[in-house]
Protein backbone atom coordinates (compact mmCIF):
# COMPACT_ATOMS: atom_id res chain seq x y z
CA SER A 1 -1.68 -60.30 95.06
CA ALA A 2 -0.19 -57.79 93.07
CA VAL A 3 -2.69 -55.11 91.44
CA PRO A 4 -1.93 -55.19 87.21
CA PRO A 5 -1.05 -51.25 86.55
CA GLN A 6 -3.87 -49.34 84.30
CA GLU A 7 -3.99 -49.04 81.32
CA ALA A 8 -3.38 -45.86 79.92
CA PRO A 9 -6.19 -43.78 78.83
CA PRO A 10 -6.41 -43.66 74.54
CA ALA A 11 -5.40 -40.26 74.05
CA PRO A 12 -7.80 -37.46 72.31
CA ARG A 13 -8.50 -37.83 68.90
CA GLN A 14 -6.70 -34.73 66.93
CA MET A 15 -9.54 -33.03 64.71
CA THR A 16 -7.10 -32.41 61.51
CA ALA A 17 -7.65 -29.72 59.22
CA LEU A 18 -8.14 -29.39 55.77
CA PRO A 19 -6.12 -28.96 53.40
CA ALA A 20 -5.90 -26.59 51.25
CA ARG A 21 -5.85 -27.97 48.29
CA LEU A 22 -8.19 -31.14 47.57
CA PRO A 23 -7.67 -33.25 44.32
CA LYS A 24 -9.87 -33.08 41.80
CA TRP A 25 -11.40 -36.70 40.37
CA CYS A 26 -14.33 -37.32 37.06
CA ASP A 27 -15.48 -40.67 36.27
CA PRO A 28 -13.37 -41.75 33.04
CA ARG A 29 -16.59 -41.85 31.16
CA LEU A 30 -16.81 -38.63 31.29
CA ILE A 31 -15.78 -35.76 28.08
CA ARG A 32 -16.02 -32.27 27.63
CA ALA A 33 -18.65 -31.92 24.09
CA PRO A 34 -21.18 -29.26 22.46
CA SER A 35 -23.76 -29.03 24.43
CA ALA A 36 -27.21 -26.71 23.60
CA ILE A 37 -27.48 -25.71 27.12
CA HIS A 38 -24.51 -23.43 27.29
CA GLY A 39 -22.17 -23.88 24.26
CA VAL A 40 -19.75 -26.65 26.33
CA GLY A 41 -20.96 -29.27 28.33
CA VAL A 42 -20.06 -32.98 30.59
CA HIS A 43 -21.67 -35.76 28.16
CA THR A 44 -21.01 -39.21 29.05
CA THR A 45 -19.01 -41.87 26.95
CA ALA A 46 -21.16 -45.15 28.24
CA PRO A 47 -24.51 -45.34 30.13
CA ILE A 48 -23.82 -44.09 34.29
CA ALA A 49 -26.44 -45.79 36.82
CA ALA A 50 -28.62 -43.75 39.73
CA GLY A 51 -26.61 -43.23 42.21
CA GLU A 52 -23.07 -43.39 40.77
CA GLY A 53 -21.06 -40.64 41.90
CA VAL A 54 -19.00 -38.68 38.48
CA MET A 55 -17.05 -36.49 40.25
CA ARG A 56 -15.40 -35.24 42.79
CA TRP A 57 -14.58 -31.20 42.55
CA GLY A 58 -10.80 -30.22 43.81
CA GLY A 59 -9.28 -26.91 44.52
CA THR A 60 -8.05 -24.44 46.56
CA LEU A 61 -10.01 -23.98 49.78
CA ILE A 62 -10.37 -20.21 50.77
CA GLY A 63 -12.14 -17.94 53.11
CA ASP A 64 -15.48 -15.75 51.97
CA VAL A 65 -13.78 -12.90 51.78
CA ASP A 66 -10.59 -13.67 49.48
CA TYR A 67 -12.84 -14.92 46.99
CA ASP A 68 -11.77 -12.58 43.73
CA PRO A 69 -13.11 -13.11 40.96
CA ALA A 70 -9.85 -11.39 39.04
CA VAL A 71 -7.76 -14.52 40.31
CA HIS A 72 -10.35 -17.16 40.85
CA ARG A 73 -12.61 -18.61 38.29
CA PRO A 74 -16.57 -18.39 38.79
CA ARG A 75 -16.74 -21.51 36.98
CA ALA A 76 -14.67 -22.95 38.99
CA THR A 77 -15.31 -21.73 42.19
CA THR A 78 -18.31 -23.72 44.61
CA ARG A 79 -19.75 -23.11 47.72
CA TYR A 80 -17.29 -25.28 49.98
CA ASP A 81 -19.51 -24.83 53.56
CA ALA A 82 -20.96 -21.71 55.49
CA THR A 83 -17.38 -19.86 55.22
CA ARG A 84 -15.13 -21.32 52.25
CA PHE A 85 -15.33 -21.58 48.81
CA LEU A 86 -13.32 -24.33 46.68
CA THR A 87 -12.02 -22.99 43.28
CA SER A 88 -9.44 -23.03 41.52
CA LEU A 89 -7.09 -19.94 39.70
CA TRP A 90 -7.53 -18.51 35.87
CA ASP A 91 -3.83 -19.38 35.07
CA GLU A 92 -4.81 -23.61 36.43
CA PRO A 93 -5.83 -26.09 33.37
CA GLU A 94 -9.36 -26.19 33.06
CA THR A 95 -10.76 -29.50 33.46
CA VAL A 96 -13.86 -31.07 32.38
CA ASP A 97 -16.00 -30.74 35.93
CA GLU A 98 -15.99 -26.48 34.62
CA ALA A 99 -17.99 -27.74 31.90
CA LEU A 100 -20.95 -28.83 34.22
CA ASN A 101 -24.41 -26.74 32.86
CA HIS A 102 -27.23 -25.96 34.87
CA ARG A 103 -30.82 -27.63 34.28
CA CYS A 104 -33.46 -26.69 36.34
CA GLU A 105 -34.93 -30.16 35.45
CA PRO A 106 -31.30 -32.56 36.66
CA ASN A 107 -29.66 -35.31 36.21
CA CYS A 108 -27.01 -35.30 38.92
CA GLY A 109 -27.10 -33.73 42.44
CA MET A 110 -24.57 -33.82 45.55
CA ALA A 111 -23.50 -35.65 47.73
CA ASP A 112 -21.81 -34.16 49.21
CA GLU A 113 -19.30 -31.19 49.63
CA VAL A 114 -17.52 -32.59 46.45
CA THR A 115 -18.81 -35.14 45.57
CA VAL A 116 -21.67 -35.21 42.11
CA VAL A 117 -23.45 -38.09 42.22
CA ALA A 118 -26.42 -39.05 39.04
CA LEU A 119 -30.00 -38.42 40.46
CA ARG A 120 -31.80 -41.72 37.40
CA ASP A 121 -30.29 -43.65 34.79
CA ILE A 122 -28.31 -41.39 32.60
CA ALA A 123 -27.76 -42.75 29.02
CA ALA A 124 -24.96 -42.58 27.05
CA GLY A 125 -24.56 -39.54 25.10
CA GLU A 126 -26.23 -37.96 27.19
CA GLU A 127 -25.03 -34.21 28.44
CA LEU A 128 -24.87 -34.43 32.68
CA THR A 129 -26.45 -31.83 34.54
CA THR A 130 -27.55 -30.58 37.62
CA ASP A 131 -29.12 -27.49 39.61
CA LEU A 132 -27.19 -24.87 41.15
CA ALA A 133 -29.55 -23.90 43.66
CA MET A 134 -28.19 -27.29 44.99
CA TRP A 135 -24.24 -26.05 45.51
CA MET A 136 -24.61 -22.38 44.90
CA ALA A 137 -25.96 -19.29 47.58
CA ASP A 138 -23.75 -16.73 46.46
CA ASP A 139 -25.68 -14.29 44.01
CA GLU A 140 -22.27 -12.17 44.17
CA ILE A 141 -20.87 -15.45 42.44
CA TYR A 142 -23.58 -16.34 40.70
CA THR A 143 -26.64 -14.87 38.98
CA GLU A 144 -27.85 -14.63 35.24
CA ARG A 145 -30.83 -15.75 32.87
CA CYS A 146 -31.32 -20.18 32.21
CA GLY A 147 -31.98 -20.14 29.33
CA CYS A 148 -31.30 -24.53 30.10
CA GLY A 149 -35.32 -25.13 28.27
CA ALA A 150 -36.36 -27.73 30.47
CA ALA A 151 -40.20 -27.73 31.16
CA LEU A 152 -39.55 -26.63 34.93
CA CYS A 153 -37.27 -23.39 33.49
CA ARG A 154 -37.24 -20.63 36.16
CA GLY A 155 -35.73 -18.31 33.77
CA ARG A 156 -33.25 -16.84 36.02
CA ILE A 157 -30.47 -18.57 38.40
CA THR A 158 -29.43 -16.45 41.47
CA GLY A 159 -27.78 -17.74 44.68
CA HIS A 160 -31.29 -17.88 47.12
CA ASP A 161 -32.67 -20.23 44.86
CA TRP A 162 -31.74 -23.07 47.11
CA ARG A 163 -34.47 -21.43 49.77
CA LEU A 164 -37.64 -22.34 46.79
CA PRO A 165 -39.81 -24.50 48.69
CA GLU A 166 -40.55 -26.26 46.17
CA LEU A 167 -36.18 -27.84 44.49
CA GLN A 168 -36.22 -27.92 48.56
CA THR A 169 -38.72 -30.68 48.25
CA ARG A 170 -38.02 -31.99 44.69
CA TYR A 171 -33.89 -31.92 45.38
CA LYS A 172 -33.80 -33.35 49.22
CA GLY A 173 -30.73 -34.83 49.98
CA TYR A 174 -28.96 -33.76 47.40
CA PHE A 175 -28.20 -30.08 48.48
CA LEU A 176 -24.95 -29.42 49.68
CA PRO A 177 -24.50 -29.97 53.66
CA CYS A 178 -24.03 -26.53 54.10
CA LEU A 179 -27.42 -25.79 52.11
CA ARG A 180 -29.13 -28.67 54.98
CA LEU A 181 -28.62 -26.82 57.75
CA LEU A 182 -29.58 -23.31 56.52
């Protein structure tokens, strides 16, 4: 009797490089509006439930050594992983997500490298905020005095805040993935 031919093994899965450019998305309920925290902020026009995705950051992926504040907008720059930033150039139009302000008692956090989610229910008209400690680990990019007005305000924001034990406990599961590994 004939032996059936063996099937060829499946081809090895090819890893694809991340695109040099990631698309941005903001929930259509979000608008830029005046903020007591930093002049302008991101507010919602309708309620948002805890756990809902509210924005996906986008822009150009660059290596750490390629970051230049004369070329890349600091408010549009975030750590993507241990060796790259996600950023926008100064000549690109500003988007709603760039007005997201820091607050030491935020209502939003990071679900992954680019997705911002609501940590709790957010009322219509409320400003959306995040703690930079969840996604910023670079003093050369962002260090400044904090005037968020929160009861738990640290008074100063640095690129090392993510290491604070109380923040590691408070925001467990909502840090940028590369900061969860450090």
